[in-house]
Amino acid sequence: MAQLSPEALEARRQHEREYRRKWRQKPENKQKEKEYRRRYWERKAKELMQ
């Protein structure tokens, strides 16, 4: 992959942040994210317990 300039990387980061923020505005997506985070932390806790 070609190296992007710092400005291009920052622009991409800002775009992704904005996209995620808008995506999360929808109630069904907010719920999906909550569920995903819950499962993620449950899995992490299980890994730590082993």
N, C-alpha and C. Protein backbone atom coordinates (compact mmCIF):
# COMPACT_ATOMS: atom_id res chain seq x y z
N MET A 1 0.85 -1.20 0.00
CA MET A 1 0.00 0.00 0.00
C MET A 1 0.88 1.25 0.00
N ALA A 2 0.52 2.21 -0.79
CA ALA A 2 1.30 3.43 -0.88
C ALA A 2 1.20 4.22 0.43
N GLN A 3 2.29 4.85 0.79
CA GLN A 3 2.28 5.68 2.00
C GLN A 3 1.49 6.96 1.70
N LEU A 4 0.60 7.28 2.61
CA LEU A 4 -0.18 8.52 2.44
C LEU A 4 0.49 9.64 3.21
N SER A 5 0.32 10.84 2.71
CA SER A 5 0.89 11.99 3.42
C SER A 5 0.16 12.17 4.74
N PRO A 6 0.80 12.82 5.70
CA PRO A 6 0.12 13.06 6.99
C PRO A 6 -1.23 13.77 6.83
N GLU A 7 -1.30 14.68 5.87
CA GLU A 7 -2.56 15.41 5.64
C GLU A 7 -3.64 14.45 5.15
N ALA A 8 -3.26 13.54 4.24
CA ALA A 8 -4.23 12.58 3.71
C ALA A 8 -4.69 11.62 4.82
N LEU A 9 -3.76 11.20 5.66
CA LEU A 9 -4.12 10.31 6.76
C LEU A 9 -5.09 11.00 7.72
N GLU A 10 -4.81 12.26 8.01
CA GLU A 10 -5.67 13.02 8.91
C GLU A 10 -7.06 13.21 8.29
N ALA A 11 -7.10 13.49 7.00
CA ALA A 11 -8.38 13.67 6.30
C ALA A 11 -9.18 12.37 6.36
N ARG A 12 -8.51 11.25 6.16
CA ARG A 12 -9.20 9.96 6.21
C ARG A 12 -9.73 9.69 7.61
N ARG A 13 -8.90 9.98 8.61
CA ARG A 13 -9.32 9.78 10.01
C ARG A 13 -10.55 10.61 10.33
N GLN A 14 -10.52 11.86 9.90
CA GLN A 14 -11.67 12.74 10.17
C GLN A 14 -12.91 12.23 9.46
N HIS A 15 -12.75 11.78 8.22
CA HIS A 15 -13.90 11.26 7.47
C HIS A 15 -14.48 10.04 8.18
N GLU A 16 -13.62 9.11 8.60
CA GLU A 16 -14.10 7.90 9.27
C GLU A 16 -14.80 8.23 10.59
N ARG A 17 -14.22 9.17 11.33
CA ARG A 17 -14.82 9.58 12.61
C ARG A 17 -16.22 10.15 12.38
N GLU A 18 -16.32 11.01 11.37
CA GLU A 18 -17.61 11.64 11.04
C GLU A 18 -18.62 10.58 10.58
N TYR A 19 -18.16 9.65 9.74
CA TYR A 19 -19.04 8.60 9.24
C TYR A 19 -19.57 7.76 10.40
N ARG A 20 -18.68 7.35 11.32
CA ARG A 20 -19.11 6.54 12.47
C ARG A 20 -20.08 7.31 13.35
N ARG A 21 -19.82 8.61 13.53
CA ARG A 21 -20.69 9.43 14.37
C ARG A 21 -22.10 9.46 13.78
N LYS A 22 -22.18 9.65 12.46
CA LYS A 22 -23.49 9.68 11.81
C LYS A 22 -24.15 8.32 11.85
N TRP A 23 -23.36 7.26 11.67
CA TRP A 23 -23.89 5.89 11.69
C TRP A 23 -24.52 5.61 13.04
N ARG A 24 -23.85 6.07 14.12
CA ARG A 24 -24.34 5.82 15.48
C ARG A 24 -25.59 6.60 15.83
N GLN A 25 -25.92 7.61 15.03
CA GLN A 25 -27.11 8.41 15.34
C GLN A 25 -28.39 7.57 15.23
N LYS A 26 -28.36 6.57 14.34
CA LYS A 26 -29.56 5.74 14.13
C LYS A 26 -29.73 4.81 15.33
N PRO A 27 -30.94 4.74 15.86
CA PRO A 27 -31.19 3.91 17.05
C PRO A 27 -30.81 2.45 16.87
N GLU A 28 -31.11 1.88 15.68
CA GLU A 28 -30.79 0.46 15.50
C GLU A 28 -29.28 0.23 15.48
N ASN A 29 -28.53 1.20 14.95
CA ASN A 29 -27.07 1.07 14.94
C ASN A 29 -26.49 1.27 16.33
N LYS A 30 -27.11 2.17 17.09
CA LYS A 30 -26.68 2.40 18.47
C LYS A 30 -26.81 1.10 19.25
N GLN A 31 -27.91 0.41 19.02
CA GLN A 31 -28.17 -0.86 19.70
C GLN A 31 -27.15 -1.91 19.26
N LYS A 32 -26.86 -1.96 17.96
CA LYS A 32 -25.87 -2.92 17.44
C LYS A 32 -24.52 -2.69 18.11
N GLU A 33 -24.14 -1.42 18.22
CA GLU A 33 -22.84 -1.13 18.81
C GLU A 33 -22.79 -1.53 20.28
N LYS A 34 -23.86 -1.27 21.01
CA LYS A 34 -23.92 -1.67 22.42
C LYS A 34 -23.75 -3.17 22.56
N GLU A 35 -24.46 -3.90 21.70
CA GLU A 35 -24.40 -5.35 21.72
C GLU A 35 -22.99 -5.84 21.39
N TYR A 36 -22.40 -5.23 20.39
CA TYR A 36 -21.05 -5.61 19.99
C TYR A 36 -20.06 -5.38 21.13
N ARG A 37 -20.14 -4.21 21.76
CA ARG A 37 -19.23 -3.91 22.87
C ARG A 37 -19.43 -4.87 24.03
N ARG A 38 -20.68 -5.20 24.33
CA ARG A 38 -20.96 -6.13 25.42
C ARG A 38 -20.31 -7.48 25.14
N ARG A 39 -20.51 -7.98 23.91
CA ARG A 39 -19.92 -9.28 23.55
C ARG A 39 -18.40 -9.20 23.58
N TYR A 40 -17.84 -8.10 23.12
CA TYR A 40 -16.39 -7.92 23.11
C TYR A 40 -15.83 -8.02 24.53
N TRP A 41 -16.43 -7.29 25.46
CA TRP A 41 -15.91 -7.30 26.83
C TRP A 41 -16.16 -8.61 27.54
N GLU A 42 -17.27 -9.29 27.20
CA GLU A 42 -17.50 -10.62 27.78
C GLU A 42 -16.42 -11.59 27.32
N ARG A 43 -16.07 -11.51 26.03
CA ARG A 43 -15.02 -12.38 25.48
C ARG A 43 -13.68 -12.07 26.13
N LYS A 44 -13.37 -10.79 26.29
CA LYS A 44 -12.11 -10.39 26.93
C LYS A 44 -12.05 -10.91 28.36
N ALA A 45 -13.14 -10.78 29.09
CA ALA A 45 -13.19 -11.24 30.49
C ALA A 45 -12.96 -12.75 30.54
N LYS A 46 -13.59 -13.47 29.60
CA LYS A 46 -13.43 -14.93 29.57
C LYS A 46 -11.97 -15.31 29.30
N GLU A 47 -11.33 -14.58 28.39
CA GLU A 47 -9.91 -14.85 28.08
C GLU A 47 -9.04 -14.61 29.30
N LEU A 48 -9.34 -13.58 30.05
CA LEU A 48 -8.54 -13.25 31.24
C LEU A 48 -8.73 -14.29 32.35
N MET A 49 -9.92 -14.87 32.41
CA MET A 49 -10.21 -15.85 33.47
C MET A 49 -9.49 -17.17 33.26
N GLN A 50 -9.14 -17.47 32.03
CA GLN A 50 -8.49 -18.77 31.76
C GLN A 50 -7.10 -18.85 32.33
